[in-house]
C-alpha cells in the first residue's frame, strides 16, 4: 500500500457494522500511515455484526457531534445491514457525509453502505457498486450500478462485500493520494 503519512481518515459507523468491513480498512489504512478515527453517533464503544451474530466491540475515537469533515482527507463507510440502515436516519451522519462530499474528500462505501450515499443525495449520475441486494436502490437513485469488486467515480469509492476488501482498501489509498476531488453536485 502507498504511504498515507499525514493523512487523516474518518470511519463513520454505529452498532451493527459488518465486523470485517470496519476492522480491515482500519488496520490497512493505519498500516499505510494514516491517522484513522472511528466516529459514531455516541462516544464509547460500538458493536459489530460478525456474519450471523453480534461480534466484537470497537472503541469510538470521536462522537459525531464533535467531528468536523474539514479535519479529514477521507471518509470510510462500513456496511452490514444494520449499521447503514440506522445511520441513514441520522441527520448528523448525513450532514457529515454531505460535508465530506462538498469538501472533495474521498468517500468510500462498502456492501450496504451505499444506502448512505443514496440518502445523502450523492448517488445520482455516479458509477457505483454495492451488495447485490441493493442494486435496485442504487439504480432507482440514479446511480449506474456495476458488478465489479471496486468502482471509483471521482473520489467516490464503492465495493460489493467483504471478499473485495483488499481491492477496496487499495483504491481508497489511491484516491486519497490523488488529493481533493473537484466534483459537481449530484
C-alpha atoms as a PDB file:
ATOM      1  CA  UNK A   1       0.000   0.000   0.000  1.00  0.00           C
ATOM      2  CA  UNK A   2       1.133   3.549  -0.707  1.00  0.00           C
ATOM      3  CA  UNK A   3       2.143   5.939   2.005  1.00  0.00           C
ATOM      4  CA  UNK A   4      -0.621   7.861   3.781  1.00  0.00           C
ATOM      5  CA  UNK A   5       1.619   9.669   6.281  1.00  0.00           C
ATOM      6  CA  UNK A   6      -0.006  12.913   7.373  1.00  0.00           C
ATOM      7  CA  UNK A   7      -3.465  11.880   6.140  1.00  0.00           C
ATOM      8  CA  UNK A   8      -6.491  11.652   8.431  1.00  0.00           C
ATOM      9  CA  UNK A   9      -9.330   9.268   7.683  1.00  0.00           C
ATOM     10  CA  UNK A  10     -12.706   9.001   9.419  1.00  0.00           C
ATOM     11  CA  UNK A  11     -14.637   5.746   9.653  1.00  0.00           C
ATOM     12  CA  UNK A  12     -18.282   6.539  10.394  1.00  0.00           C
ATOM     13  CA  UNK A  13     -20.229   3.658  11.911  1.00  0.00           C
ATOM     14  CA  UNK A  14     -22.673   2.610  14.597  1.00  0.00           C
ATOM     15  CA  UNK A  15     -23.831  -0.655  16.136  1.00  0.00           C
ATOM     16  CA  UNK A  16     -24.286  -3.470  13.642  1.00  0.00           C
ATOM     17  CA  UNK A  17     -21.437  -2.618  11.267  1.00  0.00           C
ATOM     18  CA  UNK A  18     -20.139  -5.661   9.393  1.00  0.00           C
ATOM     19  CA  UNK A  19     -17.122  -6.638  11.518  1.00  0.00           C
ATOM     20  CA  UNK A  20     -14.568  -7.085   8.735  1.00  0.00           C
ATOM     21  CA  UNK A  21     -15.783  -4.032   6.803  1.00  0.00           C
ATOM     22  CA  UNK A  22     -14.680  -1.769   9.649  1.00  0.00           C
ATOM     23  CA  UNK A  23     -11.709  -3.702  11.023  1.00  0.00           C
ATOM     24  CA  UNK A  24      -9.909  -4.458   7.734  1.00  0.00           C
ATOM     25  CA  UNK A  25      -9.913  -0.844   6.434  1.00  0.00           C
ATOM     26  CA  UNK A  26      -8.994   0.404   9.930  1.00  0.00           C
ATOM     27  CA  UNK A  27      -5.987  -1.931  10.044  1.00  0.00           C
ATOM     28  CA  UNK A  28      -4.859  -1.438   6.437  1.00  0.00           C
ATOM     29  CA  UNK A  29      -5.203   2.354   6.428  1.00  0.00           C
ATOM     30  CA  UNK A  30      -3.295   2.643   9.712  1.00  0.00           C
ATOM     31  CA  UNK A  31      -0.616   0.316   8.314  1.00  0.00           C
ATOM     32  CA  UNK A  32      -0.336   2.668   5.317  1.00  0.00           C
ATOM     33  CA  UNK A  33       0.445   5.520   7.724  1.00  0.00           C
ATOM     34  CA  UNK A  34      -2.923   7.262   8.063  1.00  0.00           C
ATOM     35  CA  UNK A  35      -4.318   8.547  11.321  1.00  0.00           C
ATOM     36  CA  UNK A  36      -7.722   6.846  11.456  1.00  0.00           C
ATOM     37  CA  UNK A  37     -10.606   7.813  13.750  1.00  0.00           C
ATOM     38  CA  UNK A  38     -13.714   5.739  14.359  1.00  0.00           C
ATOM     39  CA  UNK A  39     -16.615   8.181  14.604  1.00  0.00           C
ATOM     40  CA  UNK A  40     -20.070   7.195  15.864  1.00  0.00           C
ATOM     41  CA  UNK A  41     -23.251   8.963  16.940  1.00  0.00           C
ATOM     42  CA  UNK A  42     -22.286   8.354  20.582  1.00  0.00           C
ATOM     43  CA  UNK A  43     -18.965   8.050  22.409  1.00  0.00           C
ATOM     44  CA  UNK A  44     -17.869   4.761  23.947  1.00  0.00           C
ATOM     45  CA  UNK A  45     -17.918   1.529  22.002  1.00  0.00           C
ATOM     46  CA  UNK A  46     -19.895   0.190  19.053  1.00  0.00           C
ATOM     47  CA  UNK A  47     -20.560  -3.498  18.464  1.00  0.00           C
ATOM     48  CA  UNK A  48     -20.092  -5.186  15.129  1.00  0.00           C
ATOM     49  CA  UNK A  49     -22.113  -7.875  13.405  1.00  0.00           C
ATOM     50  CA  UNK A  50     -19.973 -10.881  12.519  1.00  0.00           C
ATOM     51  CA  UNK A  51     -21.824 -12.756   9.759  1.00  0.00           C
ATOM     52  CA  UNK A  52     -24.628 -14.347  11.836  1.00  0.00           C
ATOM     53  CA  UNK A  53     -24.368 -12.873  15.325  1.00  0.00           C
ATOM     54  CA  UNK A  54     -23.121  -9.902  17.297  1.00  0.00           C
ATOM     55  CA  UNK A  55     -19.363  -9.522  17.032  1.00  0.00           C
ATOM     56  CA  UNK A  56     -16.638  -7.595  18.822  1.00  0.00           C
ATOM     57  CA  UNK A  57     -16.764  -4.057  20.084  1.00  0.00           C
ATOM     58  CA  UNK A  58     -14.671  -1.248  18.636  1.00  0.00           C
ATOM     59  CA  UNK A  59     -13.727   1.875  20.574  1.00  0.00           C
ATOM     60  CA  UNK A  60     -15.151   5.144  19.287  1.00  0.00           C
ATOM     61  CA  UNK A  61     -12.459   7.803  18.953  1.00  0.00           C
ATOM     62  CA  UNK A  62     -14.829  10.720  18.488  1.00  0.00           C
ATOM     63  CA  UNK A  63     -18.550  11.311  18.867  1.00  0.00           C
ATOM     64  CA  UNK A  64     -20.185  12.502  15.653  1.00  0.00           C
ATOM     65  CA  UNK A  65     -21.243  15.841  17.154  1.00  0.00           C
ATOM     66  CA  UNK A  66     -17.546  16.609  17.828  1.00  0.00           C
ATOM     67  CA  UNK A  67     -16.276  15.606  14.372  1.00  0.00           C
ATOM     68  CA  UNK A  68     -15.602  18.096  11.588  1.00  0.00           C
ATOM     69  CA  UNK A  69     -15.425  16.938   7.971  1.00  0.00           C
ATOM     70  CA  UNK A  70     -12.769  19.572   7.244  1.00  0.00           C
ATOM     71  CA  UNK A  71     -10.358  17.710   9.556  1.00  0.00           C
ATOM     72  CA  UNK A  72     -10.282  14.612   7.330  1.00  0.00           C
ATOM     73  CA  UNK A  73      -8.925  13.604   3.946  1.00  0.00           C
ATOM     74  CA  UNK A  74     -11.357  10.716   3.525  1.00  0.00           C
ATOM     75  CA  UNK A  75     -14.454   9.049   4.931  1.00  0.00           C
ATOM     76  CA  UNK A  76     -14.978   5.279   5.053  1.00  0.00           C
ATOM     77  CA  UNK A  77     -18.494   3.871   5.472  1.00  0.00           C
ATOM     78  CA  UNK A  78     -18.606   0.197   6.507  1.00  0.00           C
ATOM     79  CA  UNK A  79     -21.619  -1.854   5.554  1.00  0.00           C
ATOM     80  CA  UNK A  80     -23.644  -4.596   7.093  1.00  0.00           C
ATOM     81  CA  UNK A  81     -27.401  -4.215   7.019  1.00  0.00           C
ATOM     82  CA  UNK A  82     -27.974  -2.716  10.464  1.00  0.00           C
ATOM     83  CA  UNK A  83     -25.282  -0.017  10.545  1.00  0.00           C
ATOM     84  CA  UNK A  84     -26.110   1.916   7.345  1.00  0.00           C
ATOM     85  CA  UNK A  85     -29.842   1.484   7.921  1.00  0.00           C
ATOM     86  CA  UNK A  86     -29.504   3.216  11.300  1.00  0.00           C
ATOM     87  CA  UNK A  87     -27.131   5.907  10.035  1.00  0.00           C
ATOM     88  CA  UNK A  88     -29.294   6.880   7.070  1.00  0.00           C
ATOM     89  CA  UNK A  89     -31.932   8.006   9.581  1.00  0.00           C
ATOM     90  CA  UNK A  90     -29.392  10.128  11.481  1.00  0.00           C
ATOM     91  CA  UNK A  91     -29.394  13.741  10.269  1.00  0.00           C
ATOM     92  CA  UNK A  92     -25.948  14.437  11.781  1.00  0.00           C
ATOM     93  CA  UNK A  93     -24.459  11.452   9.953  1.00  0.00           C
ATOM     94  CA  UNK A  94     -25.960  12.581   6.650  1.00  0.00           C
ATOM     95  CA  UNK A  95     -24.726  16.137   7.215  1.00  0.00           C
ATOM     96  CA  UNK A  96     -21.205  14.815   7.880  1.00  0.00           C
ATOM     97  CA  UNK A  97     -21.283  12.726   4.689  1.00  0.00           C
ATOM     98  CA  UNK A  98     -22.549  15.695   2.660  1.00  0.00           C
ATOM     99  CA  UNK A  99     -19.846  17.942   4.139  1.00  0.00           C
ATOM    100  CA  UNK A 100     -17.164  15.415   3.165  1.00  0.00           C
ATOM    101  CA  UNK A 101     -18.609  15.307  -0.342  1.00  0.00           C
ATOM    102  CA  UNK A 102     -18.771  19.105  -0.631  1.00  0.00           C
ATOM    103  CA  UNK A 103     -15.171  19.311   0.574  1.00  0.00           C
ATOM    104  CA  UNK A 104     -13.943  16.999  -2.176  1.00  0.00           C
ATOM    105  CA  UNK A 105     -12.950  14.266   0.266  1.00  0.00           C
ATOM    106  CA  UNK A 106     -12.595  10.657  -0.822  1.00  0.00           C
ATOM    107  CA  UNK A 107     -15.727   8.802   0.327  1.00  0.00           C
ATOM    108  CA  UNK A 108     -15.617   5.009   0.388  1.00  0.00           C
ATOM    109  CA  UNK A 109     -18.695   2.822   0.969  1.00  0.00           C
ATOM    110  CA  UNK A 110     -18.811  -0.974   1.013  1.00  0.00           C
ATOM    111  CA  UNK A 111     -21.650  -3.526   0.922  1.00  0.00           C
ATOM    112  CA  UNK A 112     -24.898  -1.863   2.090  1.00  0.00           C
ATOM    113  CA  UNK A 113     -23.199   1.469   2.921  1.00  0.00           C
ATOM    114  CA  UNK A 114     -24.085   2.960  -0.494  1.00  0.00           C
ATOM    115  CA  UNK A 115     -27.535   3.389   1.112  1.00  0.00           C
ATOM    116  CA  UNK A 116     -25.879   6.329   2.887  1.00  0.00           C
ATOM    117  CA  UNK A 117     -24.699   7.804  -0.409  1.00  0.00           C
ATOM    118  CA  UNK A 118     -28.236   7.460  -1.748  1.00  0.00           C
ATOM    119  CA  UNK A 119     -29.767   9.099   1.331  1.00  0.00           C
ATOM    120  CA  UNK A 120     -27.187  11.903   1.231  1.00  0.00           C
ATOM    121  CA  UNK A 121     -28.063  12.624  -2.420  1.00  0.00           C
ATOM    122  CA  UNK A 122     -24.646  11.608  -3.757  1.00  0.00           C
ATOM    123  CA  UNK A 123     -25.526   8.554  -5.888  1.00  0.00           C
ATOM    124  CA  UNK A 124     -27.243  10.233  -8.850  1.00  0.00           C
ATOM    125  CA  UNK A 125     -25.186  10.014 -12.028  1.00  0.00           C
ATOM    126  CA  UNK A 126     -22.334   8.116 -10.351  1.00  0.00           C
ATOM    127  CA  UNK A 127     -20.855   4.766 -11.314  1.00  0.00           C
ATOM    128  CA  UNK A 128     -21.108   2.545  -8.245  1.00  0.00           C
ATOM    129  CA  UNK A 129     -21.237  -0.977  -6.949  1.00  0.00           C
ATOM    130  CA  UNK A 130     -22.727  -2.414  -3.754  1.00  0.00           C
ATOM    131  CA  UNK A 131     -24.001  -5.602  -2.225  1.00  0.00           C
ATOM    132  CA  UNK A 132     -26.192  -7.077  -4.958  1.00  0.00           C
ATOM    133  CA  UNK A 133     -29.419  -6.824  -2.923  1.00  0.00           C
ATOM    134  CA  UNK A 134     -29.356  -3.004  -3.076  1.00  0.00           C
ATOM    135  CA  UNK A 135     -28.613  -2.788  -6.804  1.00  0.00           C
ATOM    136  CA  UNK A 136     -32.180  -1.608  -7.455  1.00  0.00           C
ATOM    137  CA  UNK A 137     -31.835   1.057  -4.746  1.00  0.00           C
ATOM    138  CA  UNK A 138     -28.707   2.397  -6.451  1.00  0.00           C
ATOM    139  CA  UNK A 139     -30.313   2.465  -9.908  1.00  0.00           C
ATOM    140  CA  UNK A 140     -33.559   3.980  -8.570  1.00  0.00           C
ATOM    141  CA  UNK A 141     -31.445   6.776  -7.053  1.00  0.00           C
ATOM    142  CA  UNK A 142     -29.947   7.482 -10.484  1.00  0.00           C
ATOM    143  CA  UNK A 143     -26.665   5.641  -9.960  1.00  0.00           C
ATOM    144  CA  UNK A 144     -25.072   3.426 -12.597  1.00  0.00           C
ATOM    145  CA  UNK A 145     -24.570   0.053 -10.880  1.00  0.00           C
ATOM    146  CA  UNK A 146     -21.687  -2.210 -11.905  1.00  0.00           C
ATOM    147  CA  UNK A 147     -20.880  -5.736 -10.719  1.00  0.00           C
ATOM    148  CA  UNK A 148     -17.190  -5.120 -10.000  1.00  0.00           C
ATOM    149  CA  UNK A 149     -15.049  -5.637  -6.884  1.00  0.00           C
ATOM    150  CA  UNK A 150     -14.457  -1.888  -6.609  1.00  0.00           C
ATOM    151  CA  UNK A 151     -15.674   1.143  -8.565  1.00  0.00           C
ATOM    152  CA  UNK A 152     -14.276   4.671  -8.256  1.00  0.00           C
ATOM    153  CA  UNK A 153     -16.053   7.715  -9.644  1.00  0.00           C
ATOM    154  CA  UNK A 154     -14.235  10.988  -8.952  1.00  0.00           C
ATOM    155  CA  UNK A 155     -13.291  10.087  -5.396  1.00  0.00           C
ATOM    156  CA  UNK A 156     -16.426   8.093  -4.574  1.00  0.00           C
ATOM    157  CA  UNK A 157     -15.231   4.514  -3.981  1.00  0.00           C
ATOM    158  CA  UNK A 158     -17.712   1.650  -3.663  1.00  0.00           C
ATOM    159  CA  UNK A 159     -17.268  -2.069  -3.183  1.00  0.00           C
ATOM    160  CA  UNK A 160     -19.535  -5.121  -3.018  1.00  0.00           C
ATOM    161  CA  UNK A 161     -18.727  -7.225   0.039  1.00  0.00           C
ATOM    162  CA  UNK A 162     -16.037  -8.433   2.486  1.00  0.00           C
ATOM    163  CA  UNK A 163     -14.426 -10.527  -0.249  1.00  0.00           C
ATOM    164  CA  UNK A 164     -13.477  -7.301  -2.042  1.00  0.00           C
ATOM    165  CA  UNK A 165     -11.845  -5.519   0.917  1.00  0.00           C
ATOM    166  CA  UNK A 166      -8.262  -5.718  -0.387  1.00  0.00           C
ATOM    167  CA  UNK A 167      -9.226  -4.013  -3.659  1.00  0.00           C
ATOM    168  CA  UNK A 168     -11.426  -1.558  -1.708  1.00  0.00           C
ATOM    169  CA  UNK A 169      -8.592  -0.526   0.615  1.00  0.00           C
ATOM    170  CA  UNK A 170      -6.072  -0.236  -2.231  1.00  0.00           C
ATOM    171  CA  UNK A 171      -8.455   2.060  -4.116  1.00  0.00           C
ATOM    172  CA  UNK A 172      -9.040   4.208  -1.013  1.00  0.00           C
ATOM    173  CA  UNK A 173      -5.280   4.739  -0.699  1.00  0.00           C
ATOM    174  CA  UNK A 174      -5.021   5.628  -4.389  1.00  0.00           C
ATOM    175  CA  UNK A 175      -7.902   8.120  -4.229  1.00  0.00           C
ATOM    176  CA  UNK A 176      -6.654   9.768  -1.009  1.00  0.00           C
ATOM    177  CA  UNK A 177      -3.225  10.211  -2.582  1.00  0.00           C
ATOM    178  CA  UNK A 178      -4.861  11.959  -5.553  1.00  0.00           C
ATOM    179  CA  UNK A 179      -5.951  14.736  -3.171  1.00  0.00           C
ATOM    180  CA  UNK A 180      -9.105  16.818  -3.215  1.00  0.00           C
ATOM    181  CA  UNK A 181     -11.685  15.773  -5.786  1.00  0.00           C
ATOM    182  CA  UNK A 182     -13.412  18.586  -7.667  1.00  0.00           C
ATOM    183  CA  UNK A 183     -16.890  17.391  -8.498  1.00  0.00           C
ATOM    184  CA  UNK A 184     -20.279  18.656  -9.487  1.00  0.00           C
ATOM    185  CA  UNK A 185     -23.141  18.323  -7.048  1.00  0.00           C
ATOM    186  CA  UNK A 186     -25.223  15.210  -7.528  1.00  0.00           C
END
